[in-house]
Amino acid sequence: MGPRRALHSGGVSAVPHPRAPQAQAQPSRRSLGAALLLGALGAALALIAGGQTWSQGTSAAAQGAVPLSADGRDVTGLPAALAVVGLAALVAVFAVRRTGRTLVAALLALSGAAAVLTSLLGGSDTTALEAKAAQATGLTGTGVEHVTHSAWPWVSAAGGALLLLAGLLALRYGRHWPAMSGRYERGGRPAPSRARTAADPDRPEEIWKALDRGEDPTRET
């Protein structure tokens, strides 16, 4: 179905089809769903991985070889903490607009990138095992032998990567996402209602403004 035509002073000019803004809104809706899924999954992976065993080894002591193990929070608590920050930023994206939304989306992306970096660095770290060895033997500087590392640091890094992708989606498409309704003011009291006219279907810019306010442009008032 092509664009409608309108006569103006003997000429014919093209009028944009009123459904064009709805078609353009589809990528924004898909990006919104993808960002929510990636952010929630990424934060969950990083938090779960933080409680799992990242490294194991043994330490020589008077009573023989002492088995040692360190989980993610023993090695570094940063990935899990950054996952919480990223998850909070993902929720906050819908509470702010314009510049504030861009800043929060950037925080989400940075949290994911930092979670990836700290997870990879912690995957080869032996400091936590050495601290466990000193605690077990009562001797500082006790060596650790037969050190092995699990795949959980990589799982944590994957969670950070998903948070990073969610942040990049928010930076790219976040300006088209809806925001939380301002219907209620602080204290739970309804905010003063503002009279709004229905969006003119022949003016696509009004439909976009209505969508940005969280209104249904097809609803008649």
N, C-alpha and C. Protein backbone atom coordinates (compact mmCIF):
# COMPACT_ATOMS: atom_id res chain seq x y z
N MET A 1 0.85 -1.18 0.00
CA MET A 1 0.00 0.00 0.00
C MET A 1 0.88 1.24 0.00
N GLY A 2 0.83 2.03 -0.96
CA GLY A 2 1.70 3.18 -1.08
C GLY A 2 1.21 4.35 -0.29
N PRO A 3 1.97 5.45 -0.27
CA PRO A 3 1.56 6.63 0.48
C PRO A 3 0.34 7.27 -0.12
N ARG A 4 -0.53 7.85 0.70
CA ARG A 4 -1.70 8.56 0.24
C ARG A 4 -1.30 9.87 -0.41
N ARG A 5 -2.18 10.39 -1.23
CA ARG A 5 -1.91 11.62 -1.95
C ARG A 5 -2.89 12.70 -1.49
N ALA A 6 -2.42 13.94 -1.43
CA ALA A 6 -3.26 15.08 -1.08
C ALA A 6 -3.02 16.17 -2.09
N LEU A 7 -4.10 16.89 -2.47
CA LEU A 7 -4.02 17.97 -3.45
C LEU A 7 -3.69 19.27 -2.75
N HIS A 8 -2.69 19.99 -3.25
CA HIS A 8 -2.32 21.30 -2.71
C HIS A 8 -2.09 22.22 -3.88
N SER A 9 -3.01 23.20 -4.04
CA SER A 9 -2.90 24.25 -5.06
C SER A 9 -2.56 23.66 -6.42
N GLY A 10 -3.39 22.67 -6.84
CA GLY A 10 -3.25 22.12 -8.18
C GLY A 10 -2.19 21.06 -8.30
N GLY A 11 -1.39 20.79 -7.28
CA GLY A 11 -0.33 19.79 -7.33
C GLY A 11 -0.66 18.61 -6.46
N VAL A 12 0.15 17.62 -6.54
CA VAL A 12 -0.03 16.41 -5.75
C VAL A 12 1.19 16.21 -4.89
N SER A 13 1.02 16.06 -3.59
CA SER A 13 2.13 15.84 -2.67
C SER A 13 1.90 14.56 -1.90
N ALA A 14 2.96 13.88 -1.56
CA ALA A 14 2.86 12.60 -0.84
C ALA A 14 2.70 12.86 0.64
N VAL A 15 1.78 12.14 1.27
CA VAL A 15 1.55 12.22 2.71
C VAL A 15 2.01 10.92 3.32
N PRO A 16 2.89 10.91 4.35
CA PRO A 16 3.37 9.66 4.94
C PRO A 16 2.22 8.81 5.45
N HIS A 17 2.33 7.53 5.27
CA HIS A 17 1.31 6.60 5.74
C HIS A 17 1.30 6.59 7.26
N PRO A 18 0.12 6.66 7.91
CA PRO A 18 0.07 6.74 9.38
C PRO A 18 0.64 5.52 10.08
N ARG A 19 0.77 4.38 9.39
CA ARG A 19 1.30 3.18 10.04
C ARG A 19 2.81 3.12 10.02
N ALA A 20 3.46 4.07 9.35
CA ALA A 20 4.92 4.03 9.26
C ALA A 20 5.60 4.07 10.62
N PRO A 21 5.17 4.96 11.57
CA PRO A 21 5.82 4.97 12.89
C PRO A 21 5.70 3.64 13.61
N GLN A 22 4.56 2.92 13.45
CA GLN A 22 4.41 1.64 14.12
C GLN A 22 5.39 0.62 13.55
N ALA A 23 5.62 0.70 12.23
CA ALA A 23 6.59 -0.22 11.63
C ALA A 23 7.99 0.10 12.11
N GLN A 24 8.29 1.40 12.26
CA GLN A 24 9.62 1.77 12.74
C GLN A 24 9.82 1.42 14.20
N ALA A 25 8.72 1.28 14.96
CA ALA A 25 8.84 0.97 16.40
C ALA A 25 9.19 -0.49 16.64
N GLN A 26 9.01 -1.36 15.63
CA GLN A 26 9.28 -2.78 15.83
C GLN A 26 10.73 -3.06 16.24
N PRO A 27 11.76 -2.46 15.56
CA PRO A 27 13.14 -2.71 16.01
C PRO A 27 13.38 -2.27 17.44
N SER A 28 12.73 -1.18 17.88
CA SER A 28 12.91 -0.71 19.24
C SER A 28 12.33 -1.70 20.24
N ARG A 29 11.18 -2.27 19.91
CA ARG A 29 10.58 -3.26 20.81
C ARG A 29 11.44 -4.51 20.90
N ARG A 30 11.97 -4.93 19.75
CA ARG A 30 12.84 -6.11 19.77
C ARG A 30 14.11 -5.85 20.56
N SER A 31 14.68 -4.66 20.39
CA SER A 31 15.90 -4.33 21.14
C SER A 31 15.62 -4.23 22.62
N LEU A 32 14.45 -3.74 23.00
CA LEU A 32 14.07 -3.67 24.41
C LEU A 32 14.00 -5.05 25.02
N GLY A 33 13.31 -5.97 24.34
CA GLY A 33 13.22 -7.33 24.85
C GLY A 33 14.57 -8.01 24.91
N ALA A 34 15.41 -7.78 23.90
CA ALA A 34 16.73 -8.40 23.89
C ALA A 34 17.60 -7.87 25.03
N ALA A 35 17.54 -6.56 25.27
CA ALA A 35 18.35 -5.96 26.34
C ALA A 35 17.92 -6.49 27.71
N LEU A 36 16.62 -6.60 27.93
CA LEU A 36 16.13 -7.13 29.21
C LEU A 36 16.58 -8.58 29.41
N LEU A 37 16.46 -9.37 28.36
CA LEU A 37 16.85 -10.78 28.47
C LEU A 37 18.36 -10.92 28.69
N LEU A 38 19.16 -10.20 27.89
CA LEU A 38 20.61 -10.29 28.01
C LEU A 38 21.08 -9.79 29.37
N GLY A 39 20.52 -8.66 29.83
CA GLY A 39 20.94 -8.11 31.12
C GLY A 39 20.61 -9.02 32.28
N ALA A 40 19.37 -9.56 32.30
CA ALA A 40 18.97 -10.44 33.39
C ALA A 40 19.79 -11.73 33.38
N LEU A 41 19.99 -12.31 32.18
CA LEU A 41 20.77 -13.54 32.09
C LEU A 41 22.23 -13.30 32.46
N GLY A 42 22.79 -12.19 32.00
CA GLY A 42 24.19 -11.89 32.31
C GLY A 42 24.41 -11.70 33.81
N ALA A 43 23.52 -10.96 34.45
CA ALA A 43 23.67 -10.76 35.90
C ALA A 43 23.52 -12.08 36.65
N ALA A 44 22.58 -12.93 36.22
CA ALA A 44 22.39 -14.22 36.88
C ALA A 44 23.63 -15.10 36.73
N LEU A 45 24.22 -15.14 35.54
CA LEU A 45 25.42 -15.95 35.34
C LEU A 45 26.57 -15.47 36.21
N ALA A 46 26.79 -14.17 36.26
CA ALA A 46 27.90 -13.64 37.06
C ALA A 46 27.69 -13.91 38.54
N LEU A 47 26.45 -13.78 39.03
CA LEU A 47 26.18 -14.01 40.45
C LEU A 47 26.32 -15.49 40.80
N ILE A 48 25.81 -16.37 39.94
CA ILE A 48 25.93 -17.81 40.20
C ILE A 48 27.39 -18.25 40.15
N ALA A 49 28.12 -17.76 39.15
CA ALA A 49 29.53 -18.15 39.01
C ALA A 49 30.35 -17.70 40.21
N GLY A 50 29.99 -16.56 40.80
CA GLY A 50 30.75 -16.06 41.94
C GLY A 50 30.73 -16.99 43.14
N GLY A 51 29.72 -17.84 43.24
CA GLY A 51 29.63 -18.75 44.38
C GLY A 51 30.19 -20.14 44.10
N GLN A 52 30.76 -20.33 42.92
CA GLN A 52 31.30 -21.64 42.55
C GLN A 52 32.83 -21.67 42.73
N THR A 53 33.39 -22.89 42.71
CA THR A 53 34.83 -23.08 42.87
C THR A 53 35.57 -22.64 41.62
N TRP A 54 36.52 -21.71 41.79
CA TRP A 54 37.29 -21.19 40.66
C TRP A 54 38.67 -21.87 40.57
N SER A 55 39.23 -22.24 41.70
CA SER A 55 40.58 -22.83 41.67
C SER A 55 40.73 -23.82 42.81
N GLN A 56 41.63 -24.80 42.59
CA GLN A 56 41.93 -25.80 43.60
C GLN A 56 43.43 -26.07 43.60
N GLY A 57 43.91 -26.60 44.72
CA GLY A 57 45.33 -26.93 44.84
C GLY A 57 45.60 -27.64 46.14
N THR A 58 46.86 -27.88 46.41
CA THR A 58 47.27 -28.53 47.66
C THR A 58 48.43 -27.76 48.26
N SER A 59 48.57 -27.90 49.56
CA SER A 59 49.67 -27.25 50.27
C SER A 59 50.32 -28.29 51.19
N ALA A 60 51.65 -28.30 51.19
CA ALA A 60 52.38 -29.25 52.04
C ALA A 60 52.36 -28.76 53.47
N ALA A 61 52.05 -29.68 54.40
CA ALA A 61 52.02 -29.35 55.83
C ALA A 61 52.56 -30.55 56.60
N ALA A 62 52.70 -30.39 57.91
CA ALA A 62 53.24 -31.47 58.74
C ALA A 62 52.38 -32.71 58.67
N GLN A 63 51.09 -32.52 58.54
CA GLN A 63 50.19 -33.66 58.48
C GLN A 63 50.00 -34.19 57.07
N GLY A 64 50.75 -33.67 56.12
CA GLY A 64 50.64 -34.13 54.74
C GLY A 64 50.07 -33.05 53.84
N ALA A 65 49.69 -33.45 52.64
CA ALA A 65 49.12 -32.51 51.67
C ALA A 65 47.73 -32.08 52.12
N VAL A 66 47.52 -30.76 52.13
CA VAL A 66 46.23 -30.20 52.54
C VAL A 66 45.50 -29.71 51.29
N PRO A 67 44.31 -30.25 51.00
CA PRO A 67 43.56 -29.78 49.83
C PRO A 67 43.01 -28.38 50.06
N LEU A 68 43.06 -27.58 49.04
CA LEU A 68 42.60 -26.19 49.12
C LEU A 68 41.66 -25.90 47.95
N SER A 69 40.73 -25.00 48.17
CA SER A 69 39.83 -24.56 47.10
C SER A 69 39.41 -23.13 47.39
N ALA A 70 39.16 -22.37 46.33
CA ALA A 70 38.74 -20.98 46.46
C ALA A 70 37.59 -20.73 45.49
N ASP A 71 36.51 -20.15 45.98
CA ASP A 71 35.40 -19.83 45.08
C ASP A 71 35.59 -18.42 44.51
N GLY A 72 34.65 -18.03 43.68
CA GLY A 72 34.78 -16.76 42.99
C GLY A 72 34.88 -15.57 43.92
N ARG A 73 34.12 -15.59 45.01
CA ARG A 73 34.15 -14.46 45.93
C ARG A 73 35.44 -14.43 46.74
N ASP A 74 36.08 -15.59 46.92
CA ASP A 74 37.40 -15.61 47.55
C ASP A 74 38.44 -14.98 46.63
N VAL A 75 38.31 -15.26 45.34
CA VAL A 75 39.30 -14.75 44.38
C VAL A 75 39.08 -13.26 44.15
N THR A 76 37.86 -12.88 43.78
CA THR A 76 37.51 -11.48 43.56
C THR A 76 36.00 -11.33 43.65
N GLY A 77 35.55 -10.40 44.44
CA GLY A 77 34.12 -10.15 44.54
C GLY A 77 33.62 -9.13 43.54
N LEU A 78 34.50 -8.62 42.68
CA LEU A 78 34.11 -7.56 41.76
C LEU A 78 33.10 -8.00 40.71
N PRO A 79 33.26 -9.15 40.05
CA PRO A 79 32.27 -9.50 39.03
C PRO A 79 30.84 -9.57 39.57
N ALA A 80 30.65 -10.18 40.73
CA ALA A 80 29.31 -10.27 41.30
C ALA A 80 28.78 -8.88 41.67
N ALA A 81 29.65 -8.03 42.25
CA ALA A 81 29.22 -6.68 42.60
C ALA A 81 28.87 -5.87 41.36
N LEU A 82 29.67 -6.03 40.31
CA LEU A 82 29.40 -5.31 39.06
C LEU A 82 28.12 -5.82 38.41
N ALA A 83 27.82 -7.09 38.58
CA ALA A 83 26.57 -7.63 38.05
C ALA A 83 25.36 -6.98 38.73
N VAL A 84 25.45 -6.77 40.04
CA VAL A 84 24.37 -6.10 40.76
C VAL A 84 24.23 -4.65 40.27
N VAL A 85 25.36 -3.97 40.08
CA VAL A 85 25.33 -2.60 39.57
C VAL A 85 24.72 -2.57 38.17
N GLY A 86 25.11 -3.50 37.32
CA GLY A 86 24.56 -3.55 35.97
C GLY A 86 23.07 -3.82 35.96
N LEU A 87 22.61 -4.72 36.83
CA LEU A 87 21.19 -5.03 36.90
C LEU A 87 20.40 -3.81 37.37
N ALA A 88 20.95 -3.09 38.35
CA ALA A 88 20.29 -1.87 38.82
C ALA A 88 20.24 -0.81 37.72
N ALA A 89 21.32 -0.72 36.95
CA ALA A 89 21.36 0.25 35.85
C ALA A 89 20.35 -0.11 34.77
N LEU A 90 20.16 -1.41 34.52
CA LEU A 90 19.19 -1.85 33.52
C LEU A 90 17.78 -1.43 33.92
N VAL A 91 17.46 -1.55 35.20
CA VAL A 91 16.15 -1.12 35.68
C VAL A 91 16.04 0.40 35.63
N ALA A 92 17.12 1.09 35.98
CA ALA A 92 17.09 2.56 36.01
C ALA A 92 16.96 3.16 34.63
N VAL A 93 17.28 2.41 33.59
CA VAL A 93 17.15 2.95 32.23
C VAL A 93 15.72 3.42 31.97
N PHE A 94 14.74 2.72 32.54
CA PHE A 94 13.35 3.05 32.29
C PHE A 94 12.82 4.15 33.22
N ALA A 95 13.62 4.58 34.18
CA ALA A 95 13.19 5.62 35.10
C ALA A 95 13.68 7.00 34.69
N VAL A 96 14.54 7.07 33.71
CA VAL A 96 15.11 8.35 33.30
C VAL A 96 14.90 8.52 31.80
N ARG A 97 15.18 9.72 31.32
CA ARG A 97 15.01 10.05 29.91
C ARG A 97 16.22 10.80 29.40
N ARG A 98 16.31 10.88 28.09
CA ARG A 98 17.27 11.70 27.38
C ARG A 98 18.70 11.47 27.88
N THR A 99 19.36 12.54 28.38
CA THR A 99 20.76 12.43 28.79
C THR A 99 20.93 11.44 29.95
N GLY A 100 20.00 11.46 30.88
CA GLY A 100 20.09 10.53 32.00
C GLY A 100 20.03 9.09 31.55
N ARG A 101 19.21 8.81 30.56
CA ARG A 101 19.13 7.45 30.04
C ARG A 101 20.44 7.04 29.37
N THR A 102 21.05 7.96 28.65
CA THR A 102 22.33 7.66 28.01
C THR A 102 23.40 7.36 29.05
N LEU A 103 23.44 8.14 30.12
CA LEU A 103 24.44 7.93 31.17
C LEU A 103 24.24 6.59 31.87
N VAL A 104 22.99 6.25 32.16
CA VAL A 104 22.72 4.98 32.82
C VAL A 104 23.05 3.80 31.90
N ALA A 105 22.74 3.94 30.61
CA ALA A 105 23.09 2.89 29.66
C ALA A 105 24.60 2.72 29.56
N ALA A 106 25.33 3.84 29.62
CA ALA A 106 26.79 3.75 29.61
C ALA A 106 27.31 3.05 30.86
N LEU A 107 26.68 3.32 32.01
CA LEU A 107 27.07 2.62 33.24
C LEU A 107 26.83 1.13 33.12
N LEU A 108 25.72 0.74 32.51
CA LEU A 108 25.42 -0.68 32.29
C LEU A 108 26.50 -1.32 31.43
N ALA A 109 26.87 -0.67 30.34
CA ALA A 109 27.89 -1.22 29.45
C ALA A 109 29.25 -1.31 30.15
N LEU A 110 29.61 -0.28 30.90
CA LEU A 110 30.89 -0.28 31.61
C LEU A 110 30.92 -1.36 32.69
N SER A 111 29.80 -1.57 33.37
CA SER A 111 29.74 -2.63 34.39
C SER A 111 29.98 -3.99 33.76
N GLY A 112 29.38 -4.22 32.59
CA GLY A 112 29.60 -5.49 31.91
C GLY A 112 31.04 -5.67 31.48
N ALA A 113 31.63 -4.61 30.90
CA ALA A 113 33.02 -4.70 30.45
C ALA A 113 33.96 -4.96 31.63
N ALA A 114 33.73 -4.26 32.75
CA ALA A 114 34.58 -4.47 33.93
C ALA A 114 34.40 -5.86 34.51
N ALA A 115 33.18 -6.40 34.45
CA ALA A 115 32.95 -7.77 34.94
C ALA A 115 33.71 -8.78 34.09
N VAL A 116 33.75 -8.55 32.78
CA VAL A 116 34.51 -9.44 31.91
C VAL A 116 35.99 -9.40 32.28
N LEU A 117 36.54 -8.21 32.42
CA LEU A 117 37.97 -8.05 32.71
C LEU A 117 38.34 -8.67 34.05
N THR A 118 37.60 -8.37 35.10
CA THR A 118 37.94 -8.89 36.43
C THR A 118 37.75 -10.41 36.50
N SER A 119 36.80 -10.95 35.76
CA SER A 119 36.61 -12.40 35.75
C SER A 119 37.79 -13.09 35.10
N LEU A 120 38.25 -12.55 33.97
CA LEU A 120 39.39 -13.16 33.29
C LEU A 120 40.66 -13.05 34.11
N LEU A 121 40.86 -11.93 34.78
CA LEU A 121 42.04 -11.77 35.63
C LEU A 121 41.99 -12.74 36.82
N GLY A 122 40.80 -12.92 37.38
CA GLY A 122 40.67 -13.82 38.53
C GLY A 122 40.78 -15.28 38.16
N GLY A 123 40.60 -15.59 36.87
CA GLY A 123 40.65 -16.98 36.46
C GLY A 123 42.02 -17.61 36.58
N SER A 124 43.08 -16.81 36.62
CA SER A 124 44.44 -17.35 36.75
C SER A 124 45.11 -16.91 38.05
N ASP A 125 44.36 -16.30 38.94
CA ASP A 125 44.93 -15.78 40.18
C ASP A 125 45.07 -16.90 41.22
N THR A 126 46.18 -16.90 41.96
CA THR A 126 46.41 -17.90 43.01
C THR A 126 46.50 -17.27 44.40
N THR A 127 46.24 -15.98 44.48
CA THR A 127 46.36 -15.29 45.77
C THR A 127 45.42 -15.87 46.80
N ALA A 128 44.18 -16.18 46.38
CA ALA A 128 43.21 -16.72 47.33
C ALA A 128 43.65 -18.08 47.85
N LEU A 129 44.22 -18.92 46.98
CA LEU A 129 44.70 -20.23 47.43
C LEU A 129 45.87 -20.08 48.39
N GLU A 130 46.75 -19.14 48.12
CA GLU A 130 47.89 -18.92 49.02
C GLU A 130 47.41 -18.44 50.39
N ALA A 131 46.38 -17.60 50.41
CA ALA A 131 45.82 -17.16 51.68
C ALA A 131 45.19 -18.34 52.43
N LYS A 132 44.53 -19.22 51.70
CA LYS A 132 43.95 -20.41 52.32
C LYS A 132 45.04 -21.32 52.87
N ALA A 133 46.16 -21.44 52.15
CA ALA A 133 47.26 -22.28 52.60
C ALA A 133 47.87 -21.73 53.88
N ALA A 134 48.06 -20.42 53.95
CA ALA A 134 48.61 -19.80 55.16
C ALA A 134 47.68 -19.99 56.34
N GLN A 135 46.37 -19.94 56.09
CA GLN A 135 45.40 -20.14 57.17
C GLN A 135 45.40 -21.58 57.63
N ALA A 136 45.56 -22.53 56.69
CA ALA A 136 45.51 -23.95 57.06
C ALA A 136 46.76 -24.40 57.80
N THR A 137 47.92 -23.86 57.42
CA THR A 137 49.18 -24.31 58.03
C THR A 137 49.65 -23.40 59.14
N GLY A 138 49.14 -22.20 59.19
CA GLY A 138 49.60 -21.24 60.19
C GLY A 138 50.92 -20.60 59.83
N LEU A 139 51.37 -20.77 58.58
CA LEU A 139 52.64 -20.23 58.12
C LEU A 139 52.40 -19.33 56.92
N THR A 140 52.90 -18.11 57.01
CA THR A 140 52.77 -17.21 55.88
C THR A 140 53.74 -17.60 54.77
N GLY A 141 53.38 -17.34 53.56
CA GLY A 141 54.24 -17.66 52.44
C GLY A 141 54.27 -19.12 52.07
N THR A 142 53.28 -19.88 52.55
CA THR A 142 53.24 -21.30 52.22
C THR A 142 52.90 -21.46 50.73
N GLY A 143 53.65 -22.31 50.06
CA GLY A 143 53.42 -22.52 48.65
C GLY A 143 52.21 -23.40 48.37
N VAL A 144 51.70 -23.25 47.17
CA VAL A 144 50.54 -24.04 46.73
C VAL A 144 50.96 -24.84 45.50
N GLU A 145 50.63 -26.11 45.49
CA GLU A 145 51.02 -26.98 44.39
C GLU A 145 49.79 -27.57 43.71
N HIS A 146 50.03 -28.09 42.51
CA HIS A 146 48.99 -28.76 41.74
C HIS A 146 47.73 -27.89 41.59
N VAL A 147 47.96 -26.66 41.19
CA VAL A 147 46.86 -25.70 41.05
C VAL A 147 46.09 -25.99 39.76
N THR A 148 44.77 -26.02 39.86
CA THR A 148 43.89 -26.16 38.70
C THR A 148 42.80 -25.09 38.77
N HIS A 149 42.35 -24.68 37.60
CA HIS A 149 41.31 -23.65 37.52
C HIS A 149 40.10 -24.22 36.79
N SER A 150 38.92 -23.88 37.28
CA SER A 150 37.69 -24.38 36.68
C SER A 150 37.23 -23.44 35.55
N ALA A 151 36.10 -23.78 34.96
CA ALA A 151 35.53 -22.96 33.88
C ALA A 151 34.63 -21.86 34.39
N TRP A 152 34.42 -21.79 35.70
CA TRP A 152 33.49 -20.78 36.23
C TRP A 152 33.95 -19.34 36.00
N PRO A 153 35.24 -19.03 36.02
CA PRO A 153 35.62 -17.66 35.66
C PRO A 153 35.18 -17.27 34.25
N TRP A 154 35.19 -18.24 33.34
CA TRP A 154 34.73 -17.97 31.97
C TRP A 154 33.22 -17.78 31.93
N VAL A 155 32.50 -18.51 32.77
CA VAL A 155 31.06 -18.31 32.86
C VAL A 155 30.76 -16.90 33.38
N SER A 156 31.52 -16.48 34.39
CA SER A 156 31.36 -15.13 34.91
C SER A 156 31.67 -14.09 33.84
N ALA A 157 32.73 -14.33 33.06
CA ALA A 157 33.08 -13.41 31.98
C ALA A 157 31.98 -13.37 30.93
N ALA A 158 31.36 -14.51 30.64
CA ALA A 158 30.26 -14.54 29.68
C ALA A 158 29.07 -13.73 30.19
N GLY A 159 28.81 -13.81 31.50
CA GLY A 159 27.75 -12.99 32.08
C GLY A 159 28.05 -11.50 31.93
N GLY A 160 29.30 -11.12 32.15
CA GLY A 160 29.68 -9.72 31.95
C GLY A 160 29.52 -9.30 30.50
N ALA A 161 29.83 -10.20 29.57
CA ALA A 161 29.69 -9.87 28.15
C ALA A 161 28.22 -9.64 27.79
N LEU A 162 27.32 -10.42 28.38
CA LEU A 162 25.90 -10.21 28.13
C LEU A 162 25.43 -8.88 28.68
N LEU A 163 25.93 -8.49 29.84
CA LEU A 163 25.61 -7.17 30.38
C LEU A 163 26.14 -6.06 29.47
N LEU A 164 27.33 -6.27 28.94
CA LEU A 164 27.90 -5.29 28.01
C LEU A 164 27.02 -5.15 26.78
N LEU A 165 26.55 -6.26 26.23
CA LEU A 165 25.68 -6.20 25.06
C LEU A 165 24.37 -5.48 25.38
N ALA A 166 23.82 -5.74 26.57
CA ALA A 166 22.60 -5.05 26.97
C ALA A 166 22.83 -3.54 27.05
N GLY A 167 23.99 -3.15 27.58
CA GLY A 167 24.31 -1.73 27.65
C GLY A 167 24.46 -1.10 26.28
N LEU A 168 25.08 -1.82 25.35
CA LEU A 168 25.24 -1.29 23.99
C LEU A 168 23.89 -1.15 23.30
N LEU A 169 22.98 -2.09 23.52
CA LEU A 169 21.63 -1.96 22.97
C LEU A 169 20.91 -0.76 23.55
N ALA A 170 21.09 -0.54 24.85
CA ALA A 170 20.46 0.61 25.49
C ALA A 170 21.03 1.92 24.96
N LEU A 171 22.31 1.95 24.69
CA LEU A 171 22.92 3.16 24.11
C LEU A 171 22.41 3.41 22.70
N ARG A 172 22.21 2.34 21.95
CA ARG A 172 21.81 2.49 20.54
C ARG A 172 20.32 2.77 20.39
N TYR A 173 19.47 2.05 21.12
CA TYR A 173 18.03 2.15 20.91
C TYR A 173 17.27 2.70 22.12
N GLY A 174 17.97 2.96 23.21
CA GLY A 174 17.28 3.34 24.45
C GLY A 174 16.42 4.58 24.34
N ARG A 175 16.78 5.50 23.44
CA ARG A 175 16.00 6.74 23.35
C ARG A 175 14.57 6.49 22.84
N HIS A 176 14.35 5.33 22.22
CA HIS A 176 13.02 5.01 21.72
C HIS A 176 12.23 4.14 22.68
N TRP A 177 12.85 3.71 23.78
CA TRP A 177 12.15 2.84 24.72
C TRP A 177 11.20 3.65 25.59
N PRO A 178 10.12 3.05 26.06
CA PRO A 178 9.20 3.78 26.96
C PRO A 178 9.82 3.98 28.33
N ALA A 179 9.33 4.96 29.04
CA ALA A 179 9.80 5.25 30.39
C ALA A 179 8.71 4.90 31.39
N MET A 180 9.08 4.83 32.66
CA MET A 180 8.09 4.57 33.70
C MET A 180 7.08 5.69 33.74
N SER A 181 5.84 5.31 34.02
CA SER A 181 4.76 6.29 34.02
C SER A 181 4.94 7.30 35.14
N GLY A 182 4.67 8.56 34.87
CA GLY A 182 4.73 9.61 35.89
C GLY A 182 3.37 9.91 36.47
N ARG A 183 2.49 8.90 36.48
CA ARG A 183 1.12 9.11 36.95
C ARG A 183 1.06 9.47 38.42
N TYR A 184 1.98 8.88 39.20
CA TYR A 184 1.96 9.10 40.64
C TYR A 184 3.18 9.87 41.08
N GLU A 185 2.99 10.84 41.92
CA GLU A 185 4.09 11.60 42.49
C GLU A 185 4.63 10.89 43.71
N ARG A 186 5.71 11.43 44.26
CA ARG A 186 6.30 10.87 45.47
C ARG A 186 5.28 10.94 46.60
N GLY A 187 5.20 9.85 47.37
CA GLY A 187 4.24 9.78 48.45
C GLY A 187 2.99 9.01 48.05
N GLY A 188 2.91 8.55 46.79
CA GLY A 188 1.79 7.74 46.37
C GLY A 188 0.57 8.53 45.94
N ARG A 189 0.65 9.89 45.89
CA ARG A 189 -0.49 10.67 45.48
C ARG A 189 -0.53 10.80 43.97
N PRO A 190 -1.71 10.75 43.39
CA PRO A 190 -1.79 10.89 41.94
C PRO A 190 -1.30 12.26 41.52
N ALA A 191 -0.54 12.30 40.45
CA ALA A 191 -0.06 13.56 39.91
C ALA A 191 -1.20 14.26 39.21
N PRO A 192 -1.19 15.60 39.17
CA PRO A 192 -2.24 16.33 38.47
C PRO A 192 -2.32 15.89 37.03
N SER A 193 -3.55 15.59 36.61
CA SER A 193 -3.73 15.12 35.24
C SER A 193 -3.55 16.27 34.27
N ARG A 194 -3.00 15.95 33.13
CA ARG A 194 -2.79 16.93 32.09
C ARG A 194 -3.63 16.55 30.88
N ALA A 195 -4.37 17.50 30.41
CA ALA A 195 -5.21 17.24 29.25
C ALA A 195 -4.34 17.04 28.02
N ARG A 196 -4.56 15.94 27.36
CA ARG A 196 -3.80 15.63 26.14
C ARG A 196 -4.79 15.29 25.04
N THR A 197 -4.51 15.75 23.89
CA THR A 197 -5.33 15.45 22.74
C THR A 197 -4.82 14.19 22.07
N ALA A 198 -5.73 13.48 21.41
CA ALA A 198 -5.33 12.26 20.72
C ALA A 198 -4.37 12.58 19.59
N ALA A 199 -3.41 11.67 19.36
CA ALA A 199 -2.44 11.89 18.30
C ALA A 199 -3.12 11.84 16.95
N ASP A 200 -2.79 12.79 16.10
CA ASP A 200 -3.33 12.85 14.76
C ASP A 200 -2.68 11.76 13.92
N PRO A 201 -3.43 10.78 13.40
CA PRO A 201 -2.82 9.69 12.63
C PRO A 201 -2.16 10.15 11.35
N ASP A 202 -2.51 11.38 10.89
CA ASP A 202 -1.88 11.90 9.67
C ASP A 202 -0.58 12.62 9.95
N ARG A 203 -0.17 12.69 11.21
CA ARG A 203 1.08 13.36 11.58
C ARG A 203 1.95 12.37 12.35
N PRO A 204 2.87 11.70 11.68
CA PRO A 204 3.70 10.66 12.34
C PRO A 204 4.48 11.19 13.54
N GLU A 205 4.89 12.48 13.51
CA GLU A 205 5.67 12.98 14.64
C GLU A 205 4.87 13.01 15.93
N GLU A 206 3.53 13.21 15.83
CA GLU A 206 2.71 13.20 17.03
C GLU A 206 2.56 11.78 17.58
N ILE A 207 2.51 10.80 16.68
CA ILE A 207 2.43 9.41 17.13
C ILE A 207 3.69 9.01 17.87
N TRP A 208 4.86 9.44 17.37
CA TRP A 208 6.13 9.13 18.04
C TRP A 208 6.17 9.78 19.42
N LYS A 209 5.68 11.04 19.51
CA LYS A 209 5.68 11.72 20.81
C LYS A 209 4.77 11.00 21.79
N ALA A 210 3.62 10.52 21.32
CA ALA A 210 2.70 9.79 22.20
C ALA A 210 3.33 8.49 22.68
N LEU A 211 4.02 7.76 21.79
CA LEU A 211 4.71 6.54 22.19
C LEU A 211 5.80 6.82 23.20
N ASP A 212 6.51 7.93 23.04
CA ASP A 212 7.58 8.29 23.98
C ASP A 212 7.03 8.62 25.35
N ARG A 213 5.79 9.15 25.41
CA ARG A 213 5.16 9.45 26.70
C ARG A 213 4.53 8.20 27.33
N GLY A 214 4.57 7.06 26.61
CA GLY A 214 3.97 5.84 27.13
C GLY A 214 2.49 5.76 26.89
N GLU A 215 1.94 6.54 25.95
CA GLU A 215 0.53 6.54 25.66
C GLU A 215 0.25 5.67 24.46
N ASP A 216 -1.01 5.26 24.34
CA ASP A 216 -1.47 4.49 23.19
C ASP A 216 -2.03 5.46 22.17
N PRO A 217 -1.34 5.68 21.04
CA PRO A 217 -1.82 6.67 20.07
C PRO A 217 -3.10 6.27 19.37
N THR A 218 -3.48 4.98 19.48
CA THR A 218 -4.71 4.53 18.83
C THR A 218 -5.93 4.70 19.73
N ARG A 219 -5.70 5.04 21.02
CA ARG A 219 -6.83 5.18 21.95
C ARG A 219 -7.47 6.53 21.79
N GLU A 220 -8.76 6.52 21.67
CA GLU A 220 -9.50 7.78 21.51
C GLU A 220 -9.86 8.34 22.87
N THR A 221 -9.71 9.65 23.04
CA THR A 221 -10.04 10.29 24.32
C THR A 221 -11.41 10.96 24.23
